[in-house]
Amino acid sequence: MSEDVKSKELKVRVATGKGSLREIYWEGGGEVPQVLNGLYTGIQDAQRDIVKYLSTKRVVSDEPKPSKRGSKEL
């Protein structure tokens, strides 16, 4: 039995009540990261920021976590 797991994706849409300005949102709902929260004048600018955010997020999450084991100092 396999489950269909849907992953959320960051998308760009016209901001409600803001004319032609764009905003970034999570497809399927959720809170947008603070760094992406705001209005954009063009789709390309918003998409560029999404790509930058995702590449930074991957780099940070790929870094090895420090070991919880430490040497005790006497």
C-alpha atoms as a PDB file:
ATOM      1  CA  MET A   1       0.000   0.000   0.000  1.00  0.00           C
ATOM      2  CA  SER A   2       1.549   3.329  -1.033  1.00  0.00           C
ATOM      3  CA  GLU A   3       0.524   6.778   0.120  1.00  0.00           C
ATOM      4  CA  ASP A   4       0.449   9.749  -2.203  1.00  0.00           C
ATOM      5  CA  VAL A   5       2.555  12.283  -0.320  1.00  0.00           C
ATOM      6  CA  LYS A   6       2.150  15.846  -1.589  1.00  0.00           C
ATOM      7  CA  SER A   7       4.970  18.253  -0.879  1.00  0.00           C
ATOM      8  CA  LYS A   8       4.272  21.929  -0.470  1.00  0.00           C
ATOM      9  CA  GLU A   9       5.737  24.312  -2.982  1.00  0.00           C
ATOM     10  CA  LEU A  10       6.393  28.050  -2.833  1.00  0.00           C
ATOM     11  CA  LYS A  11       4.450  29.858  -5.562  1.00  0.00           C
ATOM     12  CA  VAL A  12       3.855  33.448  -6.746  1.00  0.00           C
ATOM     13  CA  ARG A  13       0.420  35.043  -7.163  1.00  0.00           C
ATOM     14  CA  VAL A  14      -1.185  38.472  -7.526  1.00  0.00           C
ATOM     15  CA  ALA A  15      -1.591  39.957  -4.034  1.00  0.00           C
ATOM     16  CA  THR A  16      -5.233  40.499  -3.123  1.00  0.00           C
ATOM     17  CA  GLY A  17      -6.199  44.172  -3.157  1.00  0.00           C
ATOM     18  CA  LYS A  18      -2.688  45.324  -4.142  1.00  0.00           C
ATOM     19  CA  GLY A  19      -3.133  45.970  -7.862  1.00  0.00           C
ATOM     20  CA  SER A  20      -0.517  44.161  -9.918  1.00  0.00           C
ATOM     21  CA  LEU A  21       1.876  43.483  -7.024  1.00  0.00           C
ATOM     22  CA  ARG A  22       2.821  39.854  -6.374  1.00  0.00           C
ATOM     23  CA  GLU A  23       3.279  37.808  -3.213  1.00  0.00           C
ATOM     24  CA  ILE A  24       4.820  34.453  -2.411  1.00  0.00           C
ATOM     25  CA  TYR A  25       2.659  31.774  -0.816  1.00  0.00           C
ATOM     26  CA  TRP A  26       2.781  28.075   0.056  1.00  0.00           C
ATOM     27  CA  GLU A  27       0.646  25.999  -2.280  1.00  0.00           C
ATOM     28  CA  GLY A  28      -1.575  24.084   0.126  1.00  0.00           C
ATOM     29  CA  GLY A  29      -1.328  26.734   2.847  1.00  0.00           C
ATOM     30  CA  GLY A  30       1.155  27.627   5.544  1.00  0.00           C
ATOM     31  CA  GLU A  31       3.196  30.546   6.809  1.00  0.00           C
ATOM     32  CA  VAL A  32       5.703  32.003   4.352  1.00  0.00           C
ATOM     33  CA  PRO A  33       9.231  32.450   5.774  1.00  0.00           C
ATOM     34  CA  GLN A  34       9.854  35.997   7.008  1.00  0.00           C
ATOM     35  CA  VAL A  35      12.576  36.596   4.401  1.00  0.00           C
ATOM     36  CA  LEU A  36      10.032  35.970   1.599  1.00  0.00           C
ATOM     37  CA  ASN A  37       7.164  37.872   3.187  1.00  0.00           C
ATOM     38  CA  GLY A  38       6.401  41.024   1.241  1.00  0.00           C
ATOM     39  CA  LEU A  39       5.275  42.353  -2.123  1.00  0.00           C
ATOM     40  CA  TYR A  40       7.069  42.089  -5.468  1.00  0.00           C
ATOM     41  CA  THR A  41       6.675  44.158  -8.617  1.00  0.00           C
ATOM     42  CA  GLY A  42       7.410  41.206 -10.883  1.00  0.00           C
ATOM     43  CA  ILE A  43       7.173  37.439 -10.997  1.00  0.00           C
ATOM     44  CA  GLN A  44      10.875  37.099 -11.844  1.00  0.00           C
ATOM     45  CA  ASP A  45      11.957  38.935  -8.687  1.00  0.00           C
ATOM     46  CA  ALA A  46       9.771  36.754  -6.491  1.00  0.00           C
ATOM     47  CA  GLN A  47      10.951  33.554  -8.182  1.00  0.00           C
ATOM     48  CA  ARG A  48      14.591  34.636  -7.822  1.00  0.00           C
ATOM     49  CA  ASP A  49      14.072  35.107  -4.074  1.00  0.00           C
ATOM     50  CA  ILE A  50      12.405  31.690  -3.812  1.00  0.00           C
ATOM     51  CA  VAL A  51      15.391  30.049  -5.539  1.00  0.00           C
ATOM     52  CA  LYS A  52      17.834  31.900  -3.251  1.00  0.00           C
ATOM     53  CA  TYR A  53      15.850  30.903  -0.163  1.00  0.00           C
ATOM     54  CA  LEU A  54      15.649  27.242  -1.154  1.00  0.00           C
ATOM     55  CA  SER A  55      19.364  27.036  -2.027  1.00  0.00           C
ATOM     56  CA  THR A  56      20.304  28.640   1.304  1.00  0.00           C
ATOM     57  CA  LYS A  57      17.951  26.324   3.156  1.00  0.00           C
ATOM     58  CA  ARG A  58      19.549  23.256   1.526  1.00  0.00           C
ATOM     59  CA  VAL A  59      23.072  24.393   2.382  1.00  0.00           C
ATOM     60  CA  VAL A  60      22.164  24.986   6.017  1.00  0.00           C
ATOM     61  CA  SER A  61      20.292  21.684   6.372  1.00  0.00           C
ATOM     62  CA  ASP A  62      23.127  19.719   4.699  1.00  0.00           C
ATOM     63  CA  GLU A  63      25.719  20.871   7.230  1.00  0.00           C
ATOM     64  CA  PRO A  64      26.661  18.180   9.752  1.00  0.00           C
ATOM     65  CA  LYS A  65      25.140  18.694  13.159  1.00  0.00           C
ATOM     66  CA  PRO A  66      27.561  18.954  16.078  1.00  0.00           C
ATOM     67  CA  SER A  67      27.863  15.843  18.174  1.00  0.00           C
ATOM     68  CA  LYS A  68      26.090  15.927  21.496  1.00  0.00           C
ATOM     69  CA  ARG A  69      28.951  13.930  22.924  1.00  0.00           C
ATOM     70  CA  GLY A  70      31.559  16.196  24.316  1.00  0.00           C
ATOM     71  CA  SER A  71      34.659  15.628  26.322  1.00  0.00           C
ATOM     72  CA  LYS A  72      34.352  16.612  29.920  1.00  0.00           C
ATOM     73  CA  GLU A  73      36.941  19.039  31.070  1.00  0.00           C
ATOM     74  CA  LEU A  74      38.542  18.241  34.396  1.00  0.00           C
END
